Amino acid sequence: MNKILSISLLLLFFWVCDISAQQVLTLEQARQLALSQNEDLRIAAKQHEHARQQRAAARTLWLPSFSASGTGVYQDRDIDMEMILPTKVPDPVTGELKPNVVINPNTGFPVFGADGLPLFNVYAWLPLNISLSGAYLLEATVEQPLFTGGKILTGNRMASIGVEMASENILLQRMNTIAHTDEAYWTFISVTQQVKLAGQAVEMLEEVVELARNSAEVGMTSQNDLLRAQVEYNKAKLNLQKARNGLELSRMNLCRITGLPFDTPIIAADTVLNTNEPLPGNLSTINIEQRPEYRLMEQNIRMSEQNIRMVRADYLPTAGIRAGYNHVGGIELSGEGFDNTSFNVIGSVRIPLFHWGQGMRKVNAARIEMEMQQLELEKNSKLMQLEAEQARLNLLLALERIRMNESALEQAEENLRVSRDNYELGMETMSDLLMAQTHWQQAYSELIESRADYRLKETEWLKATGMLNP
């Protein structure tokens, strides 16, 4: 008795451990897991952060820029030079300095030398020694653009549009991730139901084989009926194994999308494909402007408009101002030290005058690019409208297919029940019973497929109308 109790407790322990190791997933949990680890979504998030940093950098262009620089010079040899300079003397009448030139007493005009220059009575000799062995220049400046043809304003607008486009791209990647997750999730549930159906078919055919064996033993049917039942039973077992293999692959695919380890056992919380819920949204109204793809194309047009302004700004006047402090030191002139500190302000204006029509052609090219973006929007908006309409019709068709398959399954179940009763009474052959069994299994399988297909078509409709984001 104690041994039986110990074995029971051990089996209960392993059963509890197995249950705790399994991952129970709802559709929403699967979506959140996929969103948290999807590589494309993480790349989109990085692109959004990159766009935000670019926008922040563009805004700093409005502010003045500060810089400092320093230059040092070392020259091992001094510069020696001498200069012969003309002299000046004070005018006896005005007292102003005038050139001390040689005057011809006969003419009263200056005397010119062979080089054509006037001759001076006295010349000054100026020896000069310049030492740059420790010269240096220190400079601190501030620069402020005053007018750049609209480049700074346009650049800030383009950076803001870039942030909006990155946000729309995140929404697009979220929709794609959710769509892939939904497909994997409902496929897993569909295959799980198919495995259960295949197991049920094996059990039913096992009963049929047993019924045929009992009938053959009492002489009510031939041995051939038993062989037929056994053949169908073996086929059912093979189909069950195939279904289990498909279930394993669909489980691994769901693990891949949700980021779970491949060996994680998964139990889908939505084990019943319920289609009694109301249809999503208003199927008669299609608004493709909610789709991130549509808004991205609109942002491309806005970006092209700003690009026209940016190209035009290259050929408009620009103006700026620069102020700075300079200090020069470390220079020796004939043995005397020399240094100087000064403040300077520089204003600059640049006016493009003539470039052989280059600016006009570049602006026209940018305008043509914007028109191309507008045509792309017109073309793709029609395609998206058609895609949404097709998704709506597919959803309605999937719902109608479920209703038909539910009716077909009811008929197949009734036909199987009648056929089994008639076979037991000897009123039908084994072939009729096996055919009824096959029809029932096909009807059930098609119902499972149609219910899973409805969920997939529902996701496609929500994605085509931009309503898939939770």
Protein backbone atom coordinates (compact mmCIF):
# COMPACT_ATOMS: atom_id res chain seq x y z
CA MET A 1 0.00 0.00 0.00
CA ASN A 2 2.84 2.38 0.87
CA LYS A 3 4.60 1.52 -2.38
CA ILE A 4 1.47 2.32 -4.40
CA LEU A 5 1.07 5.63 -2.54
CA SER A 6 4.72 6.54 -3.19
CA ILE A 7 4.39 5.79 -6.90
CA SER A 8 1.20 7.85 -7.10
CA LEU A 9 2.83 10.81 -5.39
CA LEU A 10 5.84 10.54 -7.70
CA LEU A 11 3.63 10.50 -10.80
CA LEU A 12 1.68 13.47 -9.44
CA PHE A 13 4.94 15.34 -8.87
CA PHE A 14 6.14 14.77 -12.45
CA TRP A 15 2.71 15.75 -13.79
CA VAL A 16 2.76 19.02 -11.84
CA CYS A 17 6.32 19.75 -13.02
CA ASP A 18 5.33 19.08 -16.60
CA ILE A 19 2.33 21.42 -16.35
CA SER A 20 4.43 24.17 -14.75
CA ALA A 21 7.01 23.88 -17.55
CA GLN A 22 4.40 24.46 -20.22
CA GLN A 23 3.72 27.95 -21.57
CA VAL A 24 0.06 28.90 -21.67
CA LEU A 25 -0.42 31.62 -24.29
CA THR A 26 -3.33 33.84 -25.13
CA LEU A 27 -3.34 35.73 -28.39
CA GLU A 28 -2.58 39.00 -26.61
CA GLN A 29 0.32 37.43 -24.69
CA ALA A 30 1.76 36.03 -27.91
CA ARG A 31 1.51 39.47 -29.51
CA GLN A 32 3.27 41.18 -26.60
CA LEU A 33 6.07 38.60 -26.58
CA ALA A 34 6.58 39.04 -30.31
CA LEU A 35 6.56 42.83 -30.04
CA SER A 36 9.13 42.77 -27.24
CA GLN A 37 11.74 40.82 -29.19
CA ASN A 38 11.09 41.48 -32.88
CA GLU A 39 14.30 42.62 -34.59
CA ASP A 40 12.59 44.79 -37.20
CA LEU A 41 10.66 46.59 -34.48
CA ARG A 42 13.81 47.21 -32.47
CA ILE A 43 15.54 48.56 -35.57
CA ALA A 44 12.56 50.87 -36.14
CA ALA A 45 12.87 52.10 -32.55
CA LYS A 46 16.56 52.86 -33.11
CA GLN A 47 15.68 54.72 -36.30
CA HIS A 48 13.17 56.79 -34.33
CA GLU A 49 15.79 57.67 -31.72
CA HIS A 50 18.23 58.52 -34.53
CA ALA A 51 15.65 60.89 -36.07
CA ARG A 52 15.04 62.54 -32.70
CA GLN A 53 18.77 63.16 -32.23
CA GLN A 54 18.98 64.65 -35.72
CA ARG A 55 16.08 66.97 -34.93
CA ALA A 56 17.79 68.08 -31.71
CA ALA A 57 21.01 68.72 -33.64
CA ALA A 58 19.15 70.75 -36.29
CA ARG A 59 17.69 73.04 -33.62
CA THR A 60 21.17 74.01 -32.39
CA LEU A 61 21.87 75.68 -35.74
CA TRP A 62 19.81 78.66 -34.55
CA LEU A 63 22.32 79.29 -31.74
CA PRO A 64 25.73 80.98 -31.95
CA SER A 65 28.77 78.75 -32.14
CA PHE A 66 31.85 79.28 -29.97
CA SER A 67 35.38 78.14 -30.77
CA ALA A 68 38.92 78.63 -29.57
CA SER A 69 42.19 77.97 -31.35
CA GLY A 70 45.87 78.23 -30.68
CA THR A 71 48.88 78.23 -33.01
CA GLY A 72 52.53 77.95 -32.03
CA VAL A 73 55.62 78.60 -34.21
CA TYR A 74 59.19 77.51 -33.70
CA GLN A 75 61.82 78.65 -36.20
CA ASP A 76 65.45 77.81 -35.51
CA ARG A 77 66.89 80.70 -37.55
CA ASP A 78 66.03 84.37 -37.09
CA ILE A 79 65.09 86.58 -39.97
CA ASP A 80 67.76 89.26 -40.56
CA MET A 81 67.06 92.05 -42.99
CA GLU A 82 67.87 95.71 -43.51
CA MET A 83 65.82 98.48 -45.03
CA ILE A 84 66.89 101.79 -46.67
CA LEU A 85 64.08 104.26 -46.11
CA PRO A 86 63.61 107.79 -47.47
CA THR A 87 63.32 110.61 -44.95
CA LYS A 88 61.05 113.58 -44.42
CA VAL A 89 61.69 117.07 -43.06
CA PRO A 90 59.28 119.65 -41.64
CA ASP A 91 58.03 122.35 -43.99
CA PRO A 92 59.27 125.74 -42.69
CA VAL A 93 55.92 127.34 -43.48
CA THR A 94 53.27 124.76 -42.56
CA GLY A 95 55.32 122.61 -40.23
CA GLU A 96 54.06 119.46 -41.96
CA LEU A 97 56.47 116.72 -42.92
CA LYS A 98 57.45 116.60 -46.54
CA PRO A 99 59.81 114.34 -48.48
CA ASN A 100 63.45 115.34 -48.06
CA VAL A 101 64.13 115.21 -51.81
CA VAL A 102 67.03 116.79 -53.71
CA ILE A 103 65.90 120.02 -55.47
CA ASN A 104 67.53 121.19 -58.65
CA PRO A 105 68.49 124.88 -57.90
CA ASN A 106 68.08 125.85 -61.51
CA THR A 107 64.62 124.38 -62.05
CA GLY A 108 63.31 124.12 -58.54
CA PHE A 109 62.03 120.57 -59.23
CA PRO A 110 63.13 117.29 -57.60
CA VAL A 111 66.04 115.41 -59.10
CA PHE A 112 65.24 111.90 -60.33
CA GLY A 113 67.57 108.99 -60.42
CA ALA A 114 68.14 106.44 -63.17
CA ASP A 115 65.31 104.31 -61.77
CA GLY A 116 62.87 107.16 -62.28
CA LEU A 117 62.38 107.76 -58.55
CA PRO A 118 63.22 111.06 -56.81
CA LEU A 119 66.51 111.31 -54.99
CA PHE A 120 66.55 112.11 -51.28
CA ASN A 121 69.17 114.17 -49.44
CA VAL A 122 69.30 111.73 -46.57
CA TYR A 123 68.29 108.05 -46.32
CA ALA A 124 67.59 106.12 -43.10
CA TRP A 125 69.16 102.70 -42.58
CA LEU A 126 66.99 100.28 -40.60
CA PRO A 127 68.50 96.92 -39.65
CA LEU A 128 65.76 94.42 -38.63
CA ASN A 129 66.00 91.09 -36.77
CA ILE A 130 62.82 89.00 -36.36
CA SER A 131 62.79 85.96 -34.05
CA LEU A 132 59.89 83.47 -34.27
CA SER A 133 61.39 80.75 -32.09
CA GLY A 134 58.53 81.02 -29.59
CA ALA A 135 55.75 82.86 -31.42
CA TYR A 136 52.14 81.94 -30.79
CA LEU A 137 48.59 83.04 -31.68
CA LEU A 138 45.57 82.55 -29.42
CA GLU A 139 42.04 83.18 -30.71
CA ALA A 140 38.51 82.91 -29.28
CA THR A 141 35.60 83.51 -31.66
CA VAL A 142 31.82 83.46 -31.72
CA GLU A 143 29.84 83.11 -34.96
CA GLN A 144 26.15 83.77 -35.51
CA PRO A 145 24.34 83.18 -38.80
CA LEU A 146 21.88 85.98 -39.54
CA PHE A 147 20.31 84.76 -42.75
CA THR A 148 21.00 81.49 -44.57
CA GLY A 149 18.38 81.61 -47.30
CA GLY A 150 15.99 79.58 -45.13
CA LYS A 151 18.28 76.56 -44.77
CA ILE A 152 18.12 76.40 -40.99
CA LEU A 153 14.33 76.68 -40.88
CA THR A 154 13.92 74.13 -43.67
CA GLY A 155 16.41 71.77 -42.04
CA ASN A 156 14.46 71.88 -38.78
CA ARG A 157 11.21 71.15 -40.61
CA MET A 158 12.79 68.21 -42.44
CA ALA A 159 14.15 66.84 -39.16
CA SER A 160 10.68 67.05 -37.57
CA ILE A 161 9.15 65.25 -40.56
CA GLY A 162 11.85 62.60 -40.16
CA VAL A 163 10.75 61.99 -36.57
CA GLU A 164 7.12 61.63 -37.69
CA MET A 165 8.13 59.18 -40.42
CA ALA A 166 10.12 57.13 -37.91
CA SER A 167 7.04 57.00 -35.65
CA GLU A 168 4.88 55.80 -38.54
CA ASN A 169 7.50 53.18 -39.37
CA ILE A 170 7.26 51.85 -35.80
CA LEU A 171 3.48 51.51 -36.22
CA LEU A 172 4.01 49.72 -39.54
CA GLN A 173 6.46 47.26 -38.02
CA ARG A 174 4.08 46.66 -35.10
CA MET A 175 1.29 45.82 -37.52
CA ASN A 176 3.51 43.45 -39.49
CA THR A 177 4.70 41.76 -36.30
CA ILE A 178 1.15 41.34 -34.99
CA ALA A 179 0.00 39.95 -38.35
CA HIS A 180 2.79 37.35 -38.36
CA THR A 181 2.05 36.46 -34.75
CA ASP A 182 -1.67 36.02 -35.42
CA GLU A 183 -0.91 33.77 -38.37
CA ALA A 184 1.42 31.57 -36.33
CA TYR A 185 -0.96 31.49 -33.34
CA TRP A 186 -4.12 30.53 -35.22
CA THR A 187 -2.19 28.04 -37.35
CA PHE A 188 -0.96 26.38 -34.17
CA ILE A 189 -4.52 26.21 -32.82
CA SER A 190 -5.83 24.86 -36.12
CA VAL A 191 -3.19 22.11 -36.24
CA THR A 192 -3.88 21.30 -32.57
CA GLN A 193 -7.55 20.77 -33.42
CA GLN A 194 -6.56 18.66 -36.42
CA VAL A 195 -4.45 16.43 -34.16
CA LYS A 196 -7.40 15.98 -31.82
CA LEU A 197 -9.61 15.16 -34.79
CA ALA A 198 -7.08 12.66 -36.13
CA GLY A 199 -6.91 11.00 -32.69
CA GLN A 200 -10.69 10.86 -32.52
CA ALA A 201 -10.79 9.31 -35.97
CA VAL A 202 -8.33 6.62 -34.86
CA GLU A 203 -10.52 5.80 -31.84
CA MET A 204 -13.65 5.60 -33.97
CA LEU A 205 -12.00 3.39 -36.57
CA GLU A 206 -10.66 1.21 -33.79
CA GLU A 207 -14.27 0.67 -32.72
CA VAL A 208 -15.22 -0.04 -36.32
CA VAL A 209 -12.45 -2.66 -36.56
CA GLU A 210 -13.66 -4.25 -33.35
CA LEU A 211 -17.24 -4.22 -34.65
CA ALA A 212 -16.15 -5.81 -37.94
CA ARG A 213 -14.16 -8.46 -36.07
CA ASN A 214 -17.13 -9.37 -33.88
CA SER A 215 -19.43 -9.51 -36.90
CA ALA A 216 -16.97 -11.68 -38.80
CA GLU A 217 -16.64 -14.09 -35.88
CA VAL A 218 -20.40 -14.70 -35.76
CA GLY A 219 -20.61 -14.92 -39.56
CA MET A 220 -22.64 -11.76 -40.09
CA THR A 221 -19.95 -10.19 -42.36
CA SER A 222 -17.08 -11.43 -44.45
CA GLN A 223 -13.42 -11.34 -43.53
CA ASN A 224 -12.97 -8.77 -46.30
CA ASP A 225 -14.89 -6.15 -44.28
CA LEU A 226 -12.48 -6.63 -41.41
CA LEU A 227 -9.49 -6.14 -43.72
CA ARG A 228 -10.99 -2.94 -45.12
CA ALA A 229 -11.56 -1.58 -41.66
CA GLN A 230 -8.00 -2.41 -40.63
CA VAL A 231 -6.60 -0.66 -43.73
CA GLU A 232 -8.54 2.50 -42.91
CA TYR A 233 -7.46 2.21 -39.28
CA ASN A 234 -3.78 2.06 -40.31
CA LYS A 235 -4.26 5.08 -42.58
CA ALA A 236 -5.82 6.97 -39.70
CA LYS A 237 -2.84 6.21 -37.46
CA LEU A 238 -0.47 7.44 -40.18
CA ASN A 239 -2.51 10.63 -40.59
CA LEU A 240 -2.36 11.13 -36.82
CA GLN A 241 1.43 10.93 -36.89
CA LYS A 242 1.56 13.42 -39.78
CA ALA A 243 -0.69 15.78 -37.84
CA ARG A 244 1.57 15.52 -34.79
CA ASN A 245 4.60 16.35 -36.92
CA GLY A 246 2.78 19.39 -38.29
CA LEU A 247 1.85 20.43 -34.76
CA GLU A 248 5.49 20.26 -33.69
CA LEU A 249 6.57 22.46 -36.59
CA SER A 250 3.81 25.00 -35.94
CA ARG A 251 4.77 25.06 -32.23
CA MET A 252 8.41 25.75 -33.09
CA ASN A 253 7.36 28.50 -35.50
CA LEU A 254 5.26 30.13 -32.77
CA CYS A 255 8.24 29.88 -30.39
CA ARG A 256 10.44 31.56 -33.00
CA ILE A 257 8.07 34.49 -33.44
CA THR A 258 7.44 34.99 -29.71
CA GLY A 259 11.09 34.58 -28.77
CA LEU A 260 10.53 31.47 -26.62
CA PRO A 261 13.06 28.61 -26.66
CA PHE A 262 12.28 26.05 -29.35
CA ASP A 263 11.77 23.30 -26.78
CA THR A 264 9.08 25.22 -24.85
CA PRO A 265 5.80 23.27 -24.64
CA ILE A 266 2.95 25.63 -25.56
CA ILE A 267 -0.72 25.44 -24.67
CA ALA A 268 -2.91 27.91 -26.55
CA ALA A 269 -5.53 29.45 -24.28
CA ASP A 270 -7.89 29.95 -27.25
CA THR A 271 -8.43 26.24 -27.78
CA VAL A 272 -11.85 26.77 -29.40
CA LEU A 273 -12.07 28.72 -32.63
CA ASN A 274 -15.14 30.72 -31.71
CA THR A 275 -16.63 32.73 -34.58
CA ASN A 276 -19.80 33.90 -32.89
CA GLU A 277 -18.23 37.26 -32.07
CA PRO A 278 -19.40 40.31 -34.05
CA LEU A 279 -17.50 41.31 -37.15
CA PRO A 280 -14.63 43.76 -36.50
CA GLY A 281 -15.46 47.40 -37.18
CA ASN A 282 -17.78 48.77 -39.81
CA LEU A 283 -17.15 46.70 -42.91
CA SER A 284 -19.00 49.16 -45.11
CA THR A 285 -16.54 51.98 -44.34
CA ILE A 286 -12.96 51.74 -45.58
CA ASN A 287 -10.53 54.47 -44.51
CA ILE A 288 -7.05 53.73 -45.80
CA GLU A 289 -5.75 57.00 -44.37
CA GLN A 290 -5.37 55.17 -41.04
CA ARG A 291 -2.71 52.93 -42.53
CA PRO A 292 0.87 53.89 -41.66
CA GLU A 293 1.91 53.14 -45.25
CA TYR A 294 -0.42 55.87 -46.48
CA ARG A 295 0.81 58.37 -43.90
CA LEU A 296 4.43 57.53 -44.74
CA MET A 297 3.79 58.43 -48.38
CA GLU A 298 2.19 61.70 -47.27
CA GLN A 299 5.28 62.45 -45.20
CA ASN A 300 7.45 61.74 -48.25
CA ILE A 301 5.56 64.45 -50.14
CA ARG A 302 6.06 66.90 -47.26
CA MET A 303 9.77 66.03 -47.20
CA SER A 304 9.99 66.67 -50.96
CA GLU A 305 8.36 70.09 -50.51
CA GLN A 306 10.99 71.01 -47.93
CA ASN A 307 13.72 69.69 -50.20
CA ILE A 308 12.63 72.23 -52.86
CA ARG A 309 13.12 75.01 -50.31
CA MET A 310 16.48 73.58 -49.31
CA VAL A 311 17.71 73.53 -52.91
CA ARG A 312 16.45 77.06 -53.51
CA ALA A 313 18.27 78.27 -50.37
CA ASP A 314 21.64 77.42 -51.97
CA TYR A 315 21.11 80.26 -54.42
CA LEU A 316 19.81 82.93 -52.02
CA PRO A 317 21.93 85.54 -50.18
CA THR A 318 23.46 84.58 -46.86
CA ALA A 319 24.70 86.79 -44.06
CA GLY A 320 26.52 86.24 -40.79
CA ILE A 321 28.59 87.92 -38.14
CA ARG A 322 31.79 86.85 -36.42
CA ALA A 323 33.47 88.35 -33.37
CA GLY A 324 36.66 87.31 -31.63
CA TYR A 325 39.63 88.11 -29.43
CA ASN A 326 43.16 87.56 -30.78
CA HIS A 327 46.41 87.56 -28.84
CA VAL A 328 49.79 87.41 -30.56
CA GLY A 329 52.95 86.90 -28.51
CA GLY A 330 56.39 85.36 -28.41
CA ILE A 331 57.76 87.50 -31.28
CA GLU A 332 61.02 89.47 -30.95
CA LEU A 333 61.81 92.44 -33.22
CA SER A 334 65.49 93.42 -33.04
CA GLY A 335 65.74 92.09 -29.52
CA GLU A 336 62.50 93.65 -28.30
CA GLY A 337 59.51 91.53 -27.37
CA PHE A 338 56.27 92.06 -29.28
CA ASP A 339 52.74 91.05 -28.33
CA ASN A 340 49.30 92.34 -29.15
CA THR A 341 45.70 91.69 -28.01
CA SER A 342 42.82 92.87 -30.15
CA PHE A 343 39.06 92.51 -30.52
CA ASN A 344 37.56 92.22 -33.99
CA VAL A 345 34.11 91.98 -35.50
CA ILE A 346 33.55 90.74 -39.04
CA GLY A 347 30.28 90.80 -40.94
CA SER A 348 29.89 88.92 -44.19
CA VAL A 349 27.29 88.81 -46.94
CA ARG A 350 27.31 86.38 -49.84
CA ILE A 351 25.12 87.00 -52.86
CA PRO A 352 25.07 84.39 -55.65
CA LEU A 353 24.90 86.21 -58.98
CA PHE A 354 25.13 83.87 -61.94
CA HIS A 355 25.46 80.09 -62.25
CA TRP A 356 24.28 79.49 -65.83
CA GLY A 357 20.78 78.51 -64.67
CA GLN A 358 22.04 75.74 -62.36
CA GLY A 359 19.83 76.82 -59.45
CA MET A 360 16.66 76.92 -61.53
CA ARG A 361 17.32 73.47 -62.94
CA LYS A 362 18.01 71.98 -59.51
CA VAL A 363 14.79 73.47 -58.15
CA ASN A 364 12.86 72.07 -61.12
CA ALA A 365 14.40 68.65 -60.51
CA ALA A 366 13.36 68.78 -56.84
CA ARG A 367 9.85 69.82 -57.86
CA ILE A 368 9.61 66.90 -60.30
CA GLU A 369 10.67 64.57 -57.49
CA MET A 370 7.81 65.90 -55.35
CA GLU A 371 5.36 65.34 -58.21
CA MET A 372 6.61 61.76 -58.50
CA GLN A 373 5.88 61.25 -54.80
CA GLN A 374 2.36 62.60 -55.33
CA LEU A 375 1.80 60.18 -58.20
CA GLU A 376 3.08 57.33 -56.04
CA LEU A 377 0.53 58.27 -53.38
CA GLU A 378 -2.31 58.32 -55.92
CA LYS A 379 -1.30 54.95 -57.35
CA ASN A 380 -0.74 53.20 -54.04
CA SER A 381 -3.85 54.67 -52.43
CA LYS A 382 -5.94 52.98 -55.12
CA LEU A 383 -4.09 49.72 -54.58
CA MET A 384 -4.61 49.95 -50.82
CA GLN A 385 -8.30 50.69 -51.39
CA LEU A 386 -8.53 47.59 -53.57
CA GLU A 387 -6.61 45.54 -50.98
CA ALA A 388 -8.99 46.64 -48.22
CA GLU A 389 -12.04 45.81 -50.33
CA GLN A 390 -10.62 42.39 -51.13
CA ALA A 391 -9.91 41.79 -47.43
CA ARG A 392 -13.52 42.74 -46.61
CA LEU A 393 -14.93 40.32 -49.18
CA ASN A 394 -12.56 37.57 -48.03
CA LEU A 395 -13.70 38.06 -44.43
CA LEU A 396 -17.37 37.80 -45.38
CA LEU A 397 -16.64 34.77 -47.53
CA ALA A 398 -14.73 33.11 -44.68
CA LEU A 399 -17.70 33.62 -42.37
CA GLU A 400 -20.09 32.15 -44.94
CA ARG A 401 -17.74 29.19 -45.40
CA ILE A 402 -17.94 28.48 -41.66
CA ARG A 403 -21.73 28.46 -41.75
CA MET A 404 -21.73 26.02 -44.68
CA ASN A 405 -19.13 23.74 -43.04
CA GLU A 406 -21.10 23.72 -39.77
CA SER A 407 -24.18 22.57 -41.69
CA ALA A 408 -22.13 19.99 -43.60
CA LEU A 409 -20.70 18.63 -40.35
CA GLU A 410 -24.18 18.22 -38.83
CA GLN A 411 -25.27 16.26 -41.89
CA ALA A 412 -22.09 14.15 -41.86
CA GLU A 413 -22.55 13.32 -38.15
CA GLU A 414 -26.14 12.26 -38.74
CA ASN A 415 -25.16 10.24 -41.81
CA LEU A 416 -22.39 8.49 -39.82
CA ARG A 417 -24.78 7.66 -36.99
CA VAL A 418 -27.37 6.20 -39.38
CA SER A 419 -24.74 4.33 -41.35
CA ARG A 420 -23.31 2.76 -38.19
CA ASP A 421 -26.74 1.69 -36.99
CA ASN A 422 -27.57 0.22 -40.39
CA TYR A 423 -24.26 -1.65 -40.52
CA GLU A 424 -24.87 -3.19 -37.13
CA LEU A 425 -28.28 -4.32 -38.42
CA GLY A 426 -26.72 -5.69 -41.59
CA MET A 427 -28.47 -3.14 -43.81
CA GLU A 428 -25.27 -1.48 -45.09
CA THR A 429 -21.85 -2.64 -46.16
CA MET A 430 -18.50 -1.84 -44.59
CA SER A 431 -17.72 0.36 -47.59
CA ASP A 432 -20.74 2.52 -46.81
CA LEU A 433 -19.74 2.85 -43.18
CA LEU A 434 -16.13 3.75 -44.03
CA MET A 435 -17.32 6.26 -46.60
CA ALA A 436 -19.56 7.89 -43.99
CA GLN A 437 -16.62 7.94 -41.59
CA THR A 438 -14.44 9.62 -44.23
CA HIS A 439 -17.08 12.22 -45.03
CA TRP A 440 -17.48 13.06 -41.36
CA GLN A 441 -13.74 13.50 -40.87
CA GLN A 442 -13.42 15.67 -43.98
CA ALA A 443 -16.34 17.85 -42.90
CA TYR A 444 -14.87 18.30 -39.44
CA SER A 445 -11.41 19.07 -40.84
CA GLU A 446 -12.80 21.65 -43.25
CA LEU A 447 -14.71 23.30 -40.40
CA ILE A 448 -11.49 23.62 -38.38
CA GLU A 449 -9.67 25.08 -41.38
CA SER A 450 -12.47 27.52 -42.13
CA ARG A 451 -12.54 28.77 -38.53
CA ALA A 452 -8.78 29.34 -38.51
CA ASP A 453 -8.99 30.96 -41.93
CA TYR A 454 -11.66 33.33 -40.61
CA ARG A 455 -9.29 34.51 -37.87
CA LEU A 456 -6.54 35.06 -40.41
CA LYS A 457 -8.88 36.95 -42.73
CA GLU A 458 -9.95 39.07 -39.76
CA THR A 459 -6.33 40.03 -39.12
CA GLU A 460 -5.83 40.81 -42.81
CA TRP A 461 -8.90 43.08 -42.77
CA LEU A 462 -7.71 44.96 -39.69
CA LYS A 463 -4.25 45.37 -41.21
CA ALA A 464 -5.61 46.53 -44.58
CA THR A 465 -7.65 49.24 -42.83
CA GLY A 466 -4.94 50.32 -40.36
CA MET A 467 -6.84 49.08 -37.29
CA LEU A 468 -4.56 46.20 -36.27
CA ASN A 469 -2.51 48.11 -33.70
CA PRO A 470 -3.72 47.20 -30.20
